[in-house]
Amino acid sequence: MAASVRIQAAAKINLHLRVYDRREDGFHDILSLFQAVSLADSIVIRSLKESDTIEIDGEFDCPARETTVYKAVQAYRNATGIRTGLALSVAKRIPAGAGLGGGSSDAAAVLLGLEGLLRGGVSEAETLRLGASIGSDVPFFLSAAAAIVSGRGEKVEAIEARGDFRLIIAFPGFSVSTAAAYSILDRQRRDRGEIADPSPSELAKAYDRDIGLWPFANSFEGVIGAKHPAIPEAKGILLGAGASFAAMSGSGSSVFGVFEGGTGQDEAKGRLEALGCRVYAAAPLARCMALD
């Protein structure tokens, strides 16, 4: 058994996100196009001599035992019965509450890292089940670098990821609660009949088109942007600097711009930083996660 493993937990962006009405179980069906990107948290997992010990070090927006990292450890332990002591160190780069999937990605990384470290014999299907029990987006990070995602997020259809563009991601310095965003959307529902709503097959085909022709949209963007003007302002800066496409990711608050060439990215970075945003340069990934 290895003494430690390191894994990069990649962020994602939603190139397209359509949210449908609330289901009877309280969840919402979605249709989305996810793209994993190079902005990532780094997680190191070490085994300890003391059994039943779980140590988690990192800067989180909640107590360590309420994080998806801890939930993933517990899910893996319950599935395998392995009680080896563990120390997890999480270097966070993905901002919380930004619509970039940082918590879900961390959970996926921990599940994969624990199997790499402890060899508990957890199958791919069981890992997906464990991931879905932690969060709706976790199965994506266990499955693909680009995918059509539907259901409540657990249905993942991998597609071949593109690598011919670069990204500027702007975090405006505040978080958006996913639960609150869904509540606002349910109350207002301004997107009925207005948002582009291609089928899954059309989404996949559109992904391969010229980026300037992408028909993608985000159900949350209008209602969250109306509440937080920095979001449409950041989007305008990205488009004004030459991005071929720009949108809010997930339920916010981050905004990304897709650039096909080398020009405009420095201009966008400077203007966004002047707006008060934290800015990240990133690239699309061809593979979501791998153990170091």
C-alpha atoms as a PDB file:
ATOM      1  CA  MET A   1       0.000   0.000   0.000  1.00  0.00           C
ATOM      2  CA  ALA A   2       1.301   3.453  -0.924  1.00  0.00           C
ATOM      3  CA  ALA A   3       2.064   5.878   1.903  1.00  0.00           C
ATOM      4  CA  SER A   4       0.499   8.887   0.149  1.00  0.00           C
ATOM      5  CA  VAL A   5      -1.156  10.067  -3.042  1.00  0.00           C
ATOM      6  CA  ARG A   6      -1.633  13.481  -4.581  1.00  0.00           C
ATOM      7  CA  ILE A   7      -4.498  14.358  -6.919  1.00  0.00           C
ATOM      8  CA  GLN A   8      -5.544  17.529  -8.685  1.00  0.00           C
ATOM      9  CA  ALA A   9      -9.246  18.344  -8.296  1.00  0.00           C
ATOM     10  CA  ALA A  10     -10.185  20.268 -11.424  1.00  0.00           C
ATOM     11  CA  ALA A  11     -12.815  22.990 -11.631  1.00  0.00           C
ATOM     12  CA  LYS A  12     -15.571  22.917 -14.225  1.00  0.00           C
ATOM     13  CA  ILE A  13     -17.479  25.504 -16.169  1.00  0.00           C
ATOM     14  CA  ASN A  14     -21.002  25.180 -17.509  1.00  0.00           C
ATOM     15  CA  LEU A  15     -20.913  26.151 -21.156  1.00  0.00           C
ATOM     16  CA  HIS A  16     -24.668  25.600 -21.219  1.00  0.00           C
ATOM     17  CA  LEU A  17     -27.096  25.152 -18.324  1.00  0.00           C
ATOM     18  CA  ARG A  18     -30.836  24.724 -18.671  1.00  0.00           C
ATOM     19  CA  VAL A  19     -32.753  24.269 -15.408  1.00  0.00           C
ATOM     20  CA  TYR A  20     -36.254  22.815 -15.548  1.00  0.00           C
ATOM     21  CA  ASP A  21     -39.031  23.017 -12.967  1.00  0.00           C
ATOM     22  CA  ARG A  22     -38.679  21.542  -9.491  1.00  0.00           C
ATOM     23  CA  ARG A  23     -39.403  17.826  -9.296  1.00  0.00           C
ATOM     24  CA  GLU A  24     -41.567  16.130  -6.663  1.00  0.00           C
ATOM     25  CA  ASP A  25     -38.415  15.010  -4.829  1.00  0.00           C
ATOM     26  CA  GLY A  26     -37.264  18.630  -4.491  1.00  0.00           C
ATOM     27  CA  PHE A  27     -34.511  18.406  -7.096  1.00  0.00           C
ATOM     28  CA  HIS A  28     -34.498  20.047 -10.521  1.00  0.00           C
ATOM     29  CA  ASP A  29     -33.798  18.326 -13.801  1.00  0.00           C
ATOM     30  CA  ILE A  30     -31.060  20.015 -15.784  1.00  0.00           C
ATOM     31  CA  LEU A  31     -29.504  19.812 -19.209  1.00  0.00           C
ATOM     32  CA  SER A  32     -25.946  21.079 -19.208  1.00  0.00           C
ATOM     33  CA  LEU A  33     -22.619  20.964 -21.011  1.00  0.00           C
ATOM     34  CA  PHE A  34     -19.771  20.645 -18.515  1.00  0.00           C
ATOM     35  CA  GLN A  35     -16.126  21.339 -19.325  1.00  0.00           C
ATOM     36  CA  ALA A  36     -13.311  20.546 -16.887  1.00  0.00           C
ATOM     37  CA  VAL A  37     -10.616  23.225 -16.742  1.00  0.00           C
ATOM     38  CA  SER A  38      -7.067  23.508 -15.465  1.00  0.00           C
ATOM     39  CA  LEU A  39      -7.907  25.642 -12.413  1.00  0.00           C
ATOM     40  CA  ALA A  40      -7.649  23.056  -9.639  1.00  0.00           C
ATOM     41  CA  ASP A  41      -7.351  22.308  -5.948  1.00  0.00           C
ATOM     42  CA  SER A  42      -4.498  20.023  -4.908  1.00  0.00           C
ATOM     43  CA  ILE A  43      -5.189  17.236  -2.421  1.00  0.00           C
ATOM     44  CA  VAL A  44      -2.624  15.035  -0.671  1.00  0.00           C
ATOM     45  CA  ILE A  45      -3.842  11.974   1.229  1.00  0.00           C
ATOM     46  CA  ARG A  46      -1.497  10.183   3.652  1.00  0.00           C
ATOM     47  CA  SER A  47      -2.074   7.020   5.651  1.00  0.00           C
ATOM     48  CA  LEU A  48      -1.477   7.184   9.400  1.00  0.00           C
ATOM     49  CA  LYS A  49      -0.482   4.497  11.885  1.00  0.00           C
ATOM     50  CA  GLU A  50      -3.420   5.350  14.148  1.00  0.00           C
ATOM     51  CA  SER A  51      -6.625   3.716  12.880  1.00  0.00           C
ATOM     52  CA  ASP A  52      -9.961   5.562  12.818  1.00  0.00           C
ATOM     53  CA  THR A  53      -8.174   8.932  12.691  1.00  0.00           C
ATOM     54  CA  ILE A  54      -9.209  11.532  10.127  1.00  0.00           C
ATOM     55  CA  GLU A  55      -7.192  14.736   9.937  1.00  0.00           C
ATOM     56  CA  ILE A  56      -8.177  17.392   7.401  1.00  0.00           C
ATOM     57  CA  ASP A  57      -6.105  20.512   6.822  1.00  0.00           C
ATOM     58  CA  GLY A  58      -7.206  23.304   4.508  1.00  0.00           C
ATOM     59  CA  GLU A  59      -8.983  26.637   4.277  1.00  0.00           C
ATOM     60  CA  PHE A  60     -12.681  25.957   3.820  1.00  0.00           C
ATOM     61  CA  ASP A  61     -15.851  28.019   4.033  1.00  0.00           C
ATOM     62  CA  CYS A  62     -17.261  25.648   6.672  1.00  0.00           C
ATOM     63  CA  PRO A  63     -15.906  23.363   9.432  1.00  0.00           C
ATOM     64  CA  ALA A  64     -13.723  20.555   8.067  1.00  0.00           C
ATOM     65  CA  ARG A  65     -16.191  17.862   9.145  1.00  0.00           C
ATOM     66  CA  GLU A  66     -18.936  19.516   7.093  1.00  0.00           C
ATOM     67  CA  THR A  67     -16.920  19.544   3.876  1.00  0.00           C
ATOM     68  CA  THR A  68     -17.368  17.249   0.889  1.00  0.00           C
ATOM     69  CA  VAL A  69     -13.819  16.038   1.615  1.00  0.00           C
ATOM     70  CA  TYR A  70     -14.919  14.573   4.944  1.00  0.00           C
ATOM     71  CA  LYS A  71     -18.146  13.222   3.439  1.00  0.00           C
ATOM     72  CA  ALA A  72     -16.131  11.429   0.761  1.00  0.00           C
ATOM     73  CA  VAL A  73     -13.837   9.844   3.361  1.00  0.00           C
ATOM     74  CA  GLN A  74     -16.826   8.628   5.338  1.00  0.00           C
ATOM     75  CA  ALA A  75     -18.583   7.288   2.250  1.00  0.00           C
ATOM     76  CA  TYR A  76     -15.475   5.359   1.206  1.00  0.00           C
ATOM     77  CA  ARG A  77     -14.944   3.965   4.712  1.00  0.00           C
ATOM     78  CA  ASN A  78     -18.567   2.860   4.963  1.00  0.00           C
ATOM     79  CA  ALA A  79     -18.348   1.143   1.570  1.00  0.00           C
ATOM     80  CA  THR A  80     -15.090  -0.701   2.277  1.00  0.00           C
ATOM     81  CA  GLY A  81     -14.904  -1.077   6.046  1.00  0.00           C
ATOM     82  CA  ILE A  82     -11.283   0.122   5.906  1.00  0.00           C
ATOM     83  CA  ARG A  83     -10.438   2.079   9.060  1.00  0.00           C
ATOM     84  CA  THR A  84      -6.887   3.153   8.231  1.00  0.00           C
ATOM     85  CA  GLY A  85      -6.034   6.529   9.733  1.00  0.00           C
ATOM     86  CA  LEU A  86      -5.858   9.318   7.190  1.00  0.00           C
ATOM     87  CA  ALA A  87      -4.440  12.822   6.918  1.00  0.00           C
ATOM     88  CA  LEU A  88      -5.740  14.980   4.072  1.00  0.00           C
ATOM     89  CA  SER A  89      -4.185  18.292   3.064  1.00  0.00           C
ATOM     90  CA  VAL A  90      -6.246  20.423   0.688  1.00  0.00           C
ATOM     91  CA  ALA A  91      -4.685  23.418  -1.071  1.00  0.00           C
ATOM     92  CA  LYS A  92      -7.706  25.374  -2.280  1.00  0.00           C
ATOM     93  CA  ARG A  93      -7.530  27.457  -5.460  1.00  0.00           C
ATOM     94  CA  ILE A  94     -11.114  27.074  -6.669  1.00  0.00           C
ATOM     95  CA  PRO A  95     -13.223  29.731  -4.926  1.00  0.00           C
ATOM     96  CA  ALA A  96     -16.270  28.506  -3.015  1.00  0.00           C
ATOM     97  CA  GLY A  97     -19.755  29.515  -4.111  1.00  0.00           C
ATOM     98  CA  ALA A  98     -18.473  30.393  -7.572  1.00  0.00           C
ATOM     99  CA  GLY A  99     -20.320  27.875  -9.751  1.00  0.00           C
ATOM    100  CA  LEU A 100     -17.064  26.076 -10.525  1.00  0.00           C
ATOM    101  CA  GLY A 101     -17.784  22.797  -8.743  1.00  0.00           C
ATOM    102  CA  GLY A 102     -14.907  22.946  -6.287  1.00  0.00           C
ATOM    103  CA  GLY A 103     -16.641  21.003  -3.527  1.00  0.00           C
ATOM    104  CA  SER A 104     -17.876  18.302  -5.892  1.00  0.00           C
ATOM    105  CA  SER A 105     -14.462  18.005  -7.513  1.00  0.00           C
ATOM    106  CA  ASP A 106     -12.773  17.675  -4.126  1.00  0.00           C
ATOM    107  CA  ALA A 107     -15.151  14.846  -3.221  1.00  0.00           C
ATOM    108  CA  ALA A 108     -14.449  13.027  -6.492  1.00  0.00           C
ATOM    109  CA  ALA A 109     -10.704  13.473  -6.018  1.00  0.00           C
ATOM    110  CA  VAL A 110     -10.841  12.056  -2.494  1.00  0.00           C
ATOM    111  CA  LEU A 111     -12.815   8.990  -3.630  1.00  0.00           C
ATOM    112  CA  LEU A 112     -10.306   8.314  -6.414  1.00  0.00           C
ATOM    113  CA  GLY A 113      -7.348   9.089  -4.171  1.00  0.00           C
ATOM    114  CA  LEU A 114      -8.507   6.771  -1.406  1.00  0.00           C
ATOM    115  CA  GLU A 115      -8.950   3.892  -3.831  1.00  0.00           C
ATOM    116  CA  GLY A 116      -5.467   4.574  -5.203  1.00  0.00           C
ATOM    117  CA  LEU A 117      -4.029   4.661  -1.689  1.00  0.00           C
ATOM    118  CA  LEU A 118      -5.950   1.883   0.072  1.00  0.00           C
ATOM    119  CA  ARG A 119      -6.959  -0.450  -2.795  1.00  0.00           C
ATOM    120  CA  GLY A 120     -10.328  -1.223  -1.265  1.00  0.00           C
ATOM    121  CA  GLY A 121     -11.663  -2.814  -4.423  1.00  0.00           C
ATOM    122  CA  VAL A 122     -14.360  -0.204  -5.043  1.00  0.00           C
ATOM    123  CA  SER A 123     -15.630  -0.560  -8.609  1.00  0.00           C
ATOM    124  CA  GLU A 124     -16.165   2.322 -10.997  1.00  0.00           C
ATOM    125  CA  ALA A 125     -19.943   1.900 -10.702  1.00  0.00           C
ATOM    126  CA  GLU A 126     -19.788   1.917  -6.909  1.00  0.00           C
ATOM    127  CA  THR A 127     -17.541   4.981  -6.936  1.00  0.00           C
ATOM    128  CA  LEU A 128     -20.108   6.778  -9.103  1.00  0.00           C
ATOM    129  CA  ARG A 129     -22.861   5.774  -6.687  1.00  0.00           C
ATOM    130  CA  LEU A 130     -20.862   7.052  -3.732  1.00  0.00           C
ATOM    131  CA  GLY A 131     -20.150  10.293  -5.563  1.00  0.00           C
ATOM    132  CA  ALA A 132     -23.819  10.876  -6.402  1.00  0.00           C
ATOM    133  CA  SER A 133     -24.704  10.397  -2.731  1.00  0.00           C
ATOM    134  CA  ILE A 134     -22.404  13.325  -1.856  1.00  0.00           C
ATOM    135  CA  GLY A 135     -23.413  15.792  -4.584  1.00  0.00           C
ATOM    136  CA  SER A 136     -25.140  15.982  -7.951  1.00  0.00           C
ATOM    137  CA  ASP A 137     -22.019  17.167  -9.823  1.00  0.00           C
ATOM    138  CA  VAL A 138     -19.614  14.590  -8.378  1.00  0.00           C
ATOM    139  CA  PRO A 139     -20.294  11.895 -11.044  1.00  0.00           C
ATOM    140  CA  PHE A 140     -19.103  14.263 -13.782  1.00  0.00           C
ATOM    141  CA  PHE A 141     -15.694  14.678 -12.174  1.00  0.00           C
ATOM    142  CA  LEU A 142     -15.393  10.894 -11.897  1.00  0.00           C
ATOM    143  CA  SER A 143     -16.330  10.349 -15.541  1.00  0.00           C
ATOM    144  CA  ALA A 144     -15.197  12.862 -18.123  1.00  0.00           C
ATOM    145  CA  ALA A 145     -13.456  16.088 -19.060  1.00  0.00           C
ATOM    146  CA  ALA A 146     -16.380  17.249 -21.196  1.00  0.00           C
ATOM    147  CA  ALA A 147     -19.885  15.865 -21.033  1.00  0.00           C
ATOM    148  CA  ILE A 148     -23.586  16.371 -21.563  1.00  0.00           C
ATOM    149  CA  VAL A 149     -25.059  16.226 -18.064  1.00  0.00           C
ATOM    150  CA  SER A 150     -28.733  15.661 -17.334  1.00  0.00           C
ATOM    151  CA  GLY A 151     -31.153  14.370 -14.709  1.00  0.00           C
ATOM    152  CA  ARG A 152     -30.222  16.123 -11.483  1.00  0.00           C
ATOM    153  CA  GLY A 153     -26.584  15.870 -12.575  1.00  0.00           C
ATOM    154  CA  GLU A 154     -26.046  12.134 -12.206  1.00  0.00           C
ATOM    155  CA  LYS A 155     -26.487  11.292 -15.905  1.00  0.00           C
ATOM    156  CA  VAL A 156     -23.173  11.946 -17.645  1.00  0.00           C
ATOM    157  CA  GLU A 157     -22.586  11.382 -21.364  1.00  0.00           C
ATOM    158  CA  ALA A 158     -18.914  11.967 -22.120  1.00  0.00           C
ATOM    159  CA  ILE A 159     -17.959  13.768 -25.330  1.00  0.00           C
ATOM    160  CA  GLU A 160     -14.525  14.406 -26.785  1.00  0.00           C
ATOM    161  CA  ALA A 161     -13.087  17.510 -25.153  1.00  0.00           C
ATOM    162  CA  ARG A 162     -11.779  20.384 -27.228  1.00  0.00           C
ATOM    163  CA  GLY A 163      -8.408  21.913 -26.516  1.00  0.00           C
ATOM    164  CA  ASP A 164      -8.305  24.783 -29.003  1.00  0.00           C
ATOM    165  CA  PHE A 165      -9.291  27.670 -26.744  1.00  0.00           C
ATOM    166  CA  ARG A 166      -8.211  29.403 -23.565  1.00  0.00           C
ATOM    167  CA  LEU A 167     -10.230  30.795 -20.692  1.00  0.00           C
ATOM    168  CA  ILE A 168     -10.272  33.782 -18.426  1.00  0.00           C
ATOM    169  CA  ILE A 169     -12.334  33.080 -15.305  1.00  0.00           C
ATOM    170  CA  ALA A 170     -13.394  35.982 -13.101  1.00  0.00           C
ATOM    171  CA  PHE A 171     -14.550  35.520  -9.501  1.00  0.00           C
ATOM    172  CA  PRO A 172     -16.175  38.797  -8.400  1.00  0.00           C
ATOM    173  CA  GLY A 173     -15.329  38.345  -4.727  1.00  0.00           C
ATOM    174  CA  PHE A 174     -18.681  37.117  -3.435  1.00  0.00           C
ATOM    175  CA  SER A 175     -20.358  33.729  -3.328  1.00  0.00           C
ATOM    176  CA  VAL A 176     -23.802  32.712  -4.511  1.00  0.00           C
ATOM    177  CA  SER A 177     -25.666  30.039  -2.564  1.00  0.00           C
ATOM    178  CA  THR A 178     -26.827  27.321  -4.938  1.00  0.00           C
ATOM    179  CA  ALA A 179     -29.972  26.731  -2.882  1.00  0.00           C
ATOM    180  CA  ALA A 180     -30.775  30.447  -2.896  1.00  0.00           C
ATOM    181  CA  ALA A 181     -30.173  30.645  -6.655  1.00  0.00           C
ATOM    182  CA  TYR A 182     -32.635  27.816  -7.299  1.00  0.00           C
ATOM    183  CA  SER A 183     -35.174  29.515  -5.022  1.00  0.00           C
ATOM    184  CA  ILE A 184     -34.840  32.801  -6.907  1.00  0.00           C
ATOM    185  CA  LEU A 185     -35.131  31.023 -10.246  1.00  0.00           C
ATOM    186  CA  ASP A 186     -38.242  29.139  -9.130  1.00  0.00           C
ATOM    187  CA  ARG A 187     -39.881  32.401  -8.066  1.00  0.00           C
ATOM    188  CA  GLN A 188     -39.034  34.373 -11.191  1.00  0.00           C
ATOM    189  CA  ARG A 189     -38.565  31.919 -14.050  1.00  0.00           C
ATOM    190  CA  ARG A 190     -37.797  34.644 -16.568  1.00  0.00           C
ATOM    191  CA  ASP A 191     -36.240  32.147 -18.962  1.00  0.00           C
ATOM    192  CA  ARG A 192     -39.440  30.318 -19.975  1.00  0.00           C
ATOM    193  CA  GLY A 193     -39.567  30.371 -23.750  1.00  0.00           C
ATOM    194  CA  GLU A 194     -36.576  32.697 -23.964  1.00  0.00           C
ATOM    195  CA  ILE A 195     -33.467  30.595 -23.327  1.00  0.00           C
ATOM    196  CA  ALA A 196     -31.896  28.478 -26.044  1.00  0.00           C
ATOM    197  CA  ASP A 197     -32.882  24.883 -25.358  1.00  0.00           C
ATOM    198  CA  PRO A 198     -31.081  22.505 -27.747  1.00  0.00           C
ATOM    199  CA  SER A 199     -31.410  18.751 -27.328  1.00  0.00           C
ATOM    200  CA  PRO A 200     -28.499  16.715 -25.902  1.00  0.00           C
ATOM    201  CA  SER A 201     -27.394  15.681 -29.396  1.00  0.00           C
ATOM    202  CA  GLU A 202     -27.625  19.275 -30.601  1.00  0.00           C
ATOM    203  CA  LEU A 203     -25.538  20.427 -27.630  1.00  0.00           C
ATOM    204  CA  ALA A 204     -22.802  17.948 -28.536  1.00  0.00           C
ATOM    205  CA  LYS A 205     -22.813  19.062 -32.169  1.00  0.00           C
ATOM    206  CA  ALA A 206     -22.835  22.743 -31.216  1.00  0.00           C
ATOM    207  CA  TYR A 207     -19.777  22.235 -28.982  1.00  0.00           C
ATOM    208  CA  ASP A 208     -17.744  21.366 -32.087  1.00  0.00           C
ATOM    209  CA  ARG A 209     -18.857  24.456 -34.043  1.00  0.00           C
ATOM    210  CA  ASP A 210     -17.091  27.780 -34.295  1.00  0.00           C
ATOM    211  CA  ILE A 211     -17.104  29.185 -30.767  1.00  0.00           C
ATOM    212  CA  GLY A 212     -18.668  32.450 -31.911  1.00  0.00           C
ATOM    213  CA  LEU A 213     -21.695  30.435 -33.081  1.00  0.00           C
ATOM    214  CA  TRP A 214     -22.286  28.615 -29.799  1.00  0.00           C
ATOM    215  CA  PRO A 215     -26.020  28.789 -28.918  1.00  0.00           C
ATOM    216  CA  PHE A 216     -25.389  28.146 -25.232  1.00  0.00           C
ATOM    217  CA  ALA A 217     -27.135  29.924 -22.359  1.00  0.00           C
ATOM    218  CA  ASN A 218     -27.573  29.701 -18.585  1.00  0.00           C
ATOM    219  CA  SER A 219     -30.995  29.709 -16.887  1.00  0.00           C
ATOM    220  CA  PHE A 220     -29.520  31.361 -13.781  1.00  0.00           C
ATOM    221  CA  GLU A 221     -27.632  34.172 -15.473  1.00  0.00           C
ATOM    222  CA  GLY A 222     -30.464  36.666 -15.892  1.00  0.00           C
ATOM    223  CA  VAL A 223     -31.912  36.392 -12.398  1.00  0.00           C
ATOM    224  CA  ILE A 224     -28.570  36.210 -10.568  1.00  0.00           C
ATOM    225  CA  GLY A 225     -27.050  38.932 -12.749  1.00  0.00           C
ATOM    226  CA  ALA A 226     -29.978  41.232 -11.931  1.00  0.00           C
ATOM    227  CA  LYS A 227     -29.199  40.790  -8.233  1.00  0.00           C
ATOM    228  CA  HIS A 228     -25.417  41.153  -8.674  1.00  0.00           C
ATOM    229  CA  PRO A 229     -24.535  43.726 -11.388  1.00  0.00           C
ATOM    230  CA  ALA A 230     -20.844  42.787 -11.212  1.00  0.00           C
ATOM    231  CA  ILE A 231     -21.738  39.578 -13.076  1.00  0.00           C
ATOM    232  CA  PRO A 232     -23.057  41.195 -16.295  1.00  0.00           C
ATOM    233  CA  GLU A 233     -20.339  43.844 -16.003  1.00  0.00           C
ATOM    234  CA  ALA A 234     -17.629  41.160 -15.928  1.00  0.00           C
ATOM    235  CA  LYS A 235     -19.254  39.410 -18.876  1.00  0.00           C
ATOM    236  CA  GLY A 236     -19.255  42.687 -20.828  1.00  0.00           C
ATOM    237  CA  ILE A 237     -15.563  43.196 -20.088  1.00  0.00           C
ATOM    238  CA  LEU A 238     -14.717  39.723 -21.392  1.00  0.00           C
ATOM    239  CA  LEU A 239     -16.696  40.185 -24.589  1.00  0.00           C
ATOM    240  CA  GLY A 240     -15.299  43.678 -25.044  1.00  0.00           C
ATOM    241  CA  ALA A 241     -11.752  42.335 -24.729  1.00  0.00           C
ATOM    242  CA  GLY A 242     -12.339  39.858 -27.548  1.00  0.00           C
ATOM    243  CA  ALA A 243     -13.809  36.711 -25.990  1.00  0.00           C
ATOM    244  CA  SER A 244     -15.710  34.700 -28.589  1.00  0.00           C
ATOM    245  CA  PHE A 245     -18.129  33.549 -25.900  1.00  0.00           C
ATOM    246  CA  ALA A 246     -18.751  34.496 -22.273  1.00  0.00           C
ATOM    247  CA  ALA A 247     -21.216  33.357 -19.629  1.00  0.00           C
ATOM    248  CA  MET A 248     -21.783  32.857 -15.936  1.00  0.00           C
ATOM    249  CA  SER A 249     -20.898  29.378 -14.711  1.00  0.00           C
ATOM    250  CA  GLY A 250     -23.400  27.294 -12.766  1.00  0.00           C
ATOM    251  CA  SER A 251     -25.509  29.311 -10.359  1.00  0.00           C
ATOM    252  CA  GLY A 252     -22.730  31.912 -10.100  1.00  0.00           C
ATOM    253  CA  SER A 253     -20.889  33.906  -9.151  1.00  0.00           C
ATOM    254  CA  SER A 254     -17.965  33.317 -11.517  1.00  0.00           C
ATOM    255  CA  VAL A 255     -17.975  34.452 -15.139  1.00  0.00           C
ATOM    256  CA  PHE A 256     -15.746  33.022 -17.869  1.00  0.00           C
ATOM    257  CA  GLY A 257     -14.655  34.154 -21.293  1.00  0.00           C
ATOM    258  CA  VAL A 258     -13.560  31.819 -24.098  1.00  0.00           C
ATOM    259  CA  PHE A 259     -10.662  33.166 -26.188  1.00  0.00           C
ATOM    260  CA  GLU A 260      -9.551  31.596 -29.442  1.00  0.00           C
ATOM    261  CA  GLY A 261      -6.286  33.540 -29.833  1.00  0.00           C
ATOM    262  CA  GLY A 262      -3.649  35.127 -27.644  1.00  0.00           C
ATOM    263  CA  THR A 263      -4.944  38.670 -27.853  1.00  0.00           C
ATOM    264  CA  GLY A 264      -7.324  40.271 -25.426  1.00  0.00           C
ATOM    265  CA  GLN A 265      -6.645  38.083 -22.416  1.00  0.00           C
ATOM    266  CA  ASP A 266      -4.247  40.523 -20.736  1.00  0.00           C
ATOM    267  CA  GLU A 267      -6.677  43.372 -21.348  1.00  0.00           C
ATOM    268  CA  ALA A 268      -9.516  41.373 -19.838  1.00  0.00           C
ATOM    269  CA  LYS A 269      -7.406  40.406 -16.813  1.00  0.00           C
ATOM    270  CA  GLY A 270      -6.454  44.010 -16.092  1.00  0.00           C
ATOM    271  CA  ARG A 271      -9.982  45.359 -16.439  1.00  0.00           C
ATOM    272  CA  LEU A 272     -11.479  42.580 -14.351  1.00  0.00           C
ATOM    273  CA  GLU A 273      -8.935  43.069 -11.589  1.00  0.00           C
ATOM    274  CA  ALA A 274      -9.767  46.788 -11.611  1.00  0.00           C
ATOM    275  CA  LEU A 275     -13.407  45.763 -11.102  1.00  0.00           C
ATOM    276  CA  GLY A 276     -12.316  43.861  -7.990  1.00  0.00           C
ATOM    277  CA  CYS A 277     -12.393  40.354  -9.438  1.00  0.00           C
ATOM    278  CA  ARG A 278      -9.983  37.546  -8.718  1.00  0.00           C
ATOM    279  CA  VAL A 279      -8.887  36.379 -12.171  1.00  0.00           C
ATOM    280  CA  TYR A 280      -7.632  32.986 -13.338  1.00  0.00           C
ATOM    281  CA  ALA A 281      -6.191  31.989 -16.708  1.00  0.00           C
ATOM    282  CA  ALA A 282      -7.160  28.415 -17.541  1.00  0.00           C
ATOM    283  CA  ALA A 283      -7.349  25.856 -20.327  1.00  0.00           C
ATOM    284  CA  PRO A 284      -9.815  23.066 -21.097  1.00  0.00           C
ATOM    285  CA  LEU A 285      -8.728  19.618 -19.961  1.00  0.00           C
ATOM    286  CA  ALA A 286      -8.673  16.458 -22.026  1.00  0.00           C
ATOM    287  CA  ARG A 287      -8.686  14.353 -18.837  1.00  0.00           C
ATOM    288  CA  CYS A 288     -10.420  15.377 -15.646  1.00  0.00           C
ATOM    289  CA  MET A 289      -8.370  13.739 -12.872  1.00  0.00           C
ATOM    290  CA  ALA A 290      -5.299  11.590 -12.432  1.00  0.00           C
ATOM    291  CA  LEU A 291      -3.254  10.459  -9.434  1.00  0.00           C
ATOM    292  CA  ASP A 292       0.259  11.910  -9.231  1.00  0.00           C
END
